[in-house]
Amino acid sequence: MRDFRDAKTIAQTLRDELSAKCISITHGESLELVSKLFGLRDWNVLSARIQAERQVVVATSEPPLPQGASLPTVPLRDLVLFPNMIVPLYLGRESSKRAADRAVAHDHRMLVVTQRRAADDHPSPQSLYGVGVTARVLDQIKLDDGSEKLLVKGLERAAIVEMAEGLFLTAEIAPVDKSRNQETRALDLSREVLEEFWLYRNASPSDRAYSGLPHIHDPGDLADAIAPFLVVTIAQRQDLLETSDVVVRFEKLLALMKTDRQVA
């Protein structure tokens, strides 16, 4: 399914179809028509939006990690990080601070993975979930009390192949395959999940906290953006993270939201 980024292709198709019916319009006129189809005032506005989208893609793209890559690993007590989430992390454990230092000294990437038990001060590899998220350290601040504050952005799901212990945890990781089947079903569910989400949060697209959601075009990205807003357990969040098939992930999101609304 095409979106606003395909405007020039759509405009050319429109011109060709009209020409076949002996209706002639200029390329500029076709661009103006397409802009209005997307609910925008004119081509200048649509063109600016396309350019902004491209700049975001360039700014956030990451070189792929090689197969079998190892990353310094930071366990989280009570948070499940999802791809594209930007959150502050407060690190007090020496091993976590050393892992963050290694990440910053190398390419700013590390693995973030949730503990099975939040109270575990010294989690072993066996006490961590098997799927985490690679993350980029955007900022690192050393605090006066000896702890650290990191600002990180989640990148991609990653399965832990092997975990090594030392001065800090290091994980050999493998990518989690994204299911690209049932694209039409995924797009249909995108709309259904958004409609249910407004009811679940008693909100609307105009609410500042959620205003970006309707503009997320990739179904997988939308599912990951909605998941952190749900009031669910850590185990339920982790289950959503480990569900790589976006259709199944949408179905789980719907079930969680509808169950919560019924209880309320």
Protein backbone atom coordinates (compact mmCIF):
# COMPACT_ATOMS: atom_id res chain seq x y z
CA MET A 1 0.00 0.00 0.00
CA ARG A 2 1.39 3.37 -1.02
CA ASP A 3 1.69 6.36 1.31
CA PHE A 4 2.60 10.06 0.97
CA ARG A 5 6.25 9.19 0.26
CA ASP A 6 5.15 7.70 -3.08
CA ALA A 7 3.50 10.98 -4.15
CA LYS A 8 5.48 11.46 -7.37
CA THR A 9 4.80 7.92 -8.53
CA ILE A 10 1.10 8.33 -7.76
CA ALA A 11 1.05 11.64 -9.62
CA GLN A 12 2.60 10.07 -12.72
CA THR A 13 0.13 7.18 -12.60
CA LEU A 14 -2.73 9.67 -12.35
CA ARG A 15 -1.47 11.60 -15.40
CA ASP A 16 -1.13 8.39 -17.41
CA GLU A 17 -4.63 7.22 -16.50
CA LEU A 18 -6.19 10.59 -17.35
CA SER A 19 -4.21 10.80 -20.60
CA ALA A 20 -5.65 7.44 -21.65
CA LYS A 21 -9.08 9.03 -21.25
CA CYS A 22 -8.00 12.06 -23.34
CA ILE A 23 -7.76 14.29 -20.28
CA SER A 24 -4.53 16.27 -20.14
CA ILE A 25 -3.02 17.80 -16.98
CA THR A 26 0.49 18.99 -16.20
CA HIS A 27 2.85 17.22 -13.82
CA GLY A 28 2.49 20.11 -11.38
CA GLU A 29 -1.29 19.87 -11.47
CA SER A 30 -1.14 16.15 -10.77
CA LEU A 31 1.13 16.77 -7.77
CA GLU A 32 -1.33 19.33 -6.41
CA LEU A 33 -4.19 16.82 -6.77
CA VAL A 34 -2.23 14.10 -4.98
CA SER A 35 -1.41 16.53 -2.16
CA LYS A 36 -5.12 17.16 -1.62
CA LEU A 37 -5.80 13.41 -1.67
CA PHE A 38 -3.49 13.15 1.36
CA GLY A 39 -5.35 16.00 3.07
CA LEU A 40 -2.56 18.56 2.63
CA ARG A 41 -2.90 22.11 1.34
CA ASP A 42 -0.55 21.91 -1.65
CA TRP A 43 2.56 20.25 -3.08
CA ASN A 44 4.91 22.51 -1.10
CA VAL A 45 3.55 21.13 2.16
CA LEU A 46 3.66 17.53 0.96
CA SER A 47 7.17 17.95 -0.44
CA ALA A 48 8.40 19.33 2.90
CA ARG A 49 6.87 16.40 4.74
CA ILE A 50 8.56 13.90 2.42
CA GLN A 51 11.92 15.63 2.90
CA ALA A 52 11.53 15.62 6.67
CA GLU A 53 10.77 11.89 6.63
CA ARG A 54 13.89 11.19 4.58
CA GLN A 55 16.03 13.20 6.97
CA VAL A 56 14.74 11.17 9.92
CA VAL A 57 15.57 7.90 8.15
CA VAL A 58 19.12 9.06 7.39
CA ALA A 59 19.68 10.34 10.91
CA THR A 60 18.46 7.18 12.63
CA SER A 61 19.87 4.47 10.34
CA GLU A 62 22.41 2.14 11.92
CA PRO A 63 25.03 -0.02 10.20
CA PRO A 64 24.04 -3.67 10.61
CA LEU A 65 25.82 -5.73 13.24
CA PRO A 66 27.82 -8.68 11.86
CA GLN A 67 26.50 -12.19 12.41
CA GLY A 68 27.46 -13.43 15.87
CA ALA A 69 28.29 -9.94 17.13
CA SER A 70 28.90 -9.51 20.86
CA LEU A 71 27.67 -6.49 22.79
CA PRO A 72 28.15 -5.21 26.34
CA THR A 73 24.92 -5.94 28.16
CA VAL A 74 22.93 -3.98 30.72
CA PRO A 75 20.17 -5.82 32.66
CA LEU A 76 17.04 -3.84 33.54
CA ARG A 77 15.04 -4.49 36.71
CA ASP A 78 11.57 -3.24 35.85
CA LEU A 79 11.56 -1.99 32.27
CA VAL A 80 11.17 -3.66 28.88
CA LEU A 81 12.76 -1.59 26.14
CA PHE A 82 11.16 -1.70 22.68
CA PRO A 83 12.67 -0.68 19.33
CA ASN A 84 12.52 3.09 18.73
CA MET A 85 11.85 3.87 22.42
CA ILE A 86 14.00 6.67 23.84
CA VAL A 87 14.28 6.45 27.62
CA PRO A 88 16.62 7.45 30.45
CA LEU A 89 18.32 4.60 32.33
CA TYR A 90 19.85 5.03 35.78
CA LEU A 91 22.77 2.68 36.42
CA GLY A 92 24.05 1.96 39.92
CA ARG A 93 25.64 -1.48 39.53
CA GLU A 94 29.35 -1.39 38.74
CA SER A 95 29.00 -4.07 36.07
CA SER A 96 26.30 -2.07 34.27
CA LYS A 97 28.38 1.11 34.40
CA ARG A 98 31.36 -0.74 32.95
CA ALA A 99 29.15 -2.14 30.19
CA ALA A 100 27.92 1.36 29.35
CA ASP A 101 31.48 2.70 29.34
CA ARG A 102 32.53 -0.04 26.91
CA ALA A 103 29.59 0.76 24.62
CA VAL A 104 30.38 4.49 24.56
CA ALA A 105 34.07 3.81 23.95
CA HIS A 106 33.26 1.58 20.96
CA ASP A 107 30.26 2.40 18.74
CA HIS A 108 27.71 3.43 21.41
CA ARG A 109 25.72 0.21 20.95
CA MET A 110 24.86 -2.25 23.70
CA LEU A 111 22.26 -4.87 24.50
CA VAL A 112 19.51 -4.07 26.98
CA VAL A 113 17.65 -7.05 28.45
CA THR A 114 15.13 -7.41 31.27
CA GLN A 115 15.68 -9.45 34.43
CA ARG A 116 13.20 -12.17 35.34
CA ARG A 117 13.28 -10.99 38.99
CA ALA A 118 13.55 -7.27 39.64
CA ALA A 119 14.98 -7.80 43.15
CA ASP A 120 18.02 -9.71 41.84
CA ASP A 121 21.02 -7.45 42.47
CA HIS A 122 23.48 -9.69 40.66
CA PRO A 123 21.58 -11.31 37.78
CA SER A 124 23.25 -14.29 36.15
CA PRO A 125 22.81 -15.08 32.43
CA GLN A 126 20.16 -17.64 33.40
CA SER A 127 18.10 -15.03 35.25
CA LEU A 128 17.67 -12.83 32.17
CA TYR A 129 15.08 -13.14 29.45
CA GLY A 130 16.36 -14.60 26.20
CA VAL A 131 15.36 -11.67 23.96
CA GLY A 132 16.44 -8.08 24.42
CA VAL A 133 16.92 -4.98 22.30
CA THR A 134 20.09 -3.50 20.89
CA ALA A 135 20.30 0.14 21.92
CA ARG A 136 22.33 3.21 21.09
CA VAL A 137 23.64 5.38 23.92
CA LEU A 138 22.66 8.95 23.02
CA ASP A 139 24.01 10.56 26.17
CA GLN A 140 25.92 9.53 29.29
CA ILE A 141 26.09 11.59 32.50
CA LYS A 142 28.16 10.67 35.56
CA LEU A 143 26.19 11.66 38.66
CA ASP A 144 27.62 12.93 41.96
CA ASP A 145 26.49 9.84 43.88
CA GLY A 146 28.58 7.56 41.65
CA SER A 147 25.68 6.36 39.52
CA GLU A 148 25.18 7.10 35.84
CA LYS A 149 22.31 8.38 33.75
CA LEU A 150 22.09 7.14 30.18
CA LEU A 151 19.75 8.29 27.46
CA VAL A 152 19.27 5.36 25.08
CA LYS A 153 17.28 4.59 21.97
CA GLY A 154 16.08 1.05 21.27
CA LEU A 155 17.13 -0.26 17.87
CA GLU A 156 16.33 -3.89 17.04
CA ARG A 157 15.16 -7.06 18.76
CA ALA A 158 18.01 -9.47 19.45
CA ALA A 159 18.08 -13.05 20.68
CA ILE A 160 20.81 -14.00 23.13
CA VAL A 161 22.88 -16.87 21.76
CA GLU A 162 25.44 -16.98 24.56
CA MET A 163 26.22 -14.79 27.55
CA ALA A 164 29.69 -14.35 29.03
CA GLU A 165 30.38 -13.06 32.54
CA GLY A 166 33.35 -10.90 33.47
CA LEU A 167 33.77 -7.31 34.56
CA PHE A 168 30.40 -6.89 32.84
CA LEU A 169 28.00 -9.11 30.92
CA THR A 170 28.66 -9.62 27.22
CA ALA A 171 26.09 -11.21 24.93
CA GLU A 172 26.59 -12.89 21.59
CA ILE A 173 23.40 -12.05 19.74
CA ALA A 174 21.42 -13.06 16.69
CA PRO A 175 18.79 -10.93 14.92
CA VAL A 176 15.13 -11.76 15.44
CA ASP A 177 13.49 -12.27 12.05
CA LYS A 178 10.63 -9.91 11.27
CA SER A 179 7.61 -11.63 9.77
CA ARG A 180 6.53 -9.94 6.53
CA ASN A 181 3.58 -12.22 5.85
CA GLN A 182 -0.04 -11.08 5.85
CA GLU A 183 0.75 -7.43 5.03
CA THR A 184 -2.88 -6.64 4.24
CA ARG A 185 -4.01 -8.17 7.53
CA ALA A 186 -1.33 -6.21 9.40
CA LEU A 187 -2.49 -2.92 7.86
CA ASP A 188 -6.12 -3.69 8.70
CA LEU A 189 -5.13 -4.46 12.28
CA SER A 190 -3.17 -1.19 12.46
CA ARG A 191 -6.41 0.73 12.13
CA GLU A 192 -8.27 -1.55 14.55
CA VAL A 193 -5.53 -1.34 17.18
CA LEU A 194 -5.42 2.46 16.97
CA GLU A 195 -9.20 2.69 17.38
CA GLU A 196 -9.07 0.39 20.40
CA PHE A 197 -6.14 2.33 21.83
CA TRP A 198 -8.11 5.62 21.86
CA LEU A 199 -10.85 3.86 23.83
CA TYR A 200 -8.33 2.15 26.13
CA ARG A 201 -6.57 5.41 27.04
CA ASN A 202 -9.73 7.54 26.79
CA ALA A 203 -7.71 9.69 24.41
CA SER A 204 -7.70 11.04 20.87
CA PRO A 205 -5.09 11.64 18.13
CA SER A 206 -4.95 15.29 19.16
CA ASP A 207 -3.54 14.42 22.60
CA ARG A 208 0.10 15.50 22.62
CA ALA A 209 1.40 12.29 24.21
CA TYR A 210 -0.03 10.15 21.41
CA SER A 211 -0.11 12.54 18.46
CA GLY A 212 2.65 10.73 16.60
CA LEU A 213 0.93 7.34 16.56
CA PRO A 214 -1.36 7.93 13.53
CA HIS A 215 1.70 8.94 11.46
CA ILE A 216 3.56 5.65 11.98
CA HIS A 217 3.17 3.75 8.71
CA ASP A 218 5.03 0.53 9.47
CA PRO A 219 2.74 -1.90 11.35
CA GLY A 220 5.60 -3.35 13.40
CA ASP A 221 6.76 0.10 14.47
CA LEU A 222 3.20 1.03 15.44
CA ALA A 223 2.82 -2.10 17.58
CA ASP A 224 6.10 -1.32 19.35
CA ALA A 225 5.08 2.32 19.90
CA ILE A 226 1.77 1.36 21.51
CA ALA A 227 3.08 -1.44 23.73
CA PRO A 228 4.85 0.82 26.29
CA PHE A 229 1.59 2.71 26.95
CA LEU A 230 -0.24 -0.41 28.15
CA VAL A 231 -0.69 -0.95 31.87
CA VAL A 232 0.49 -4.56 31.98
CA THR A 233 3.02 -6.71 33.82
CA ILE A 234 6.70 -6.97 32.92
CA ALA A 235 6.09 -10.56 31.79
CA GLN A 236 3.32 -9.39 29.44
CA ARG A 237 5.53 -6.64 28.01
CA GLN A 238 8.32 -9.16 27.48
CA ASP A 239 5.90 -11.47 25.69
CA LEU A 240 5.05 -8.64 23.28
CA LEU A 241 8.75 -8.01 22.71
CA GLU A 242 9.39 -11.68 21.96
CA THR A 243 6.49 -11.87 19.48
CA SER A 244 8.17 -11.17 16.15
CA ASP A 245 5.08 -11.73 13.97
CA VAL A 246 3.39 -8.32 13.84
CA VAL A 247 -0.07 -9.78 13.19
CA VAL A 248 0.17 -11.93 16.32
CA ARG A 249 1.58 -8.95 18.23
CA PHE A 250 -1.38 -6.81 17.19
CA GLU A 251 -3.79 -9.56 18.25
CA LYS A 252 -2.11 -9.71 21.67
CA LEU A 253 -2.30 -5.93 22.03
CA LEU A 254 -6.00 -5.99 21.21
CA ALA A 255 -6.66 -8.78 23.71
CA LEU A 256 -4.79 -6.95 26.49
CA MET A 257 -6.57 -3.64 25.87
CA LYS A 258 -10.04 -5.18 25.56
CA THR A 259 -9.55 -7.29 28.71
CA ASP A 260 -8.47 -4.23 30.68
CA ARG A 261 -11.45 -2.20 29.48
CA GLN A 262 -13.87 -5.01 30.35
CA VAL A 263 -12.45 -5.27 33.88
CA ALA A 264 -12.71 -1.50 34.29
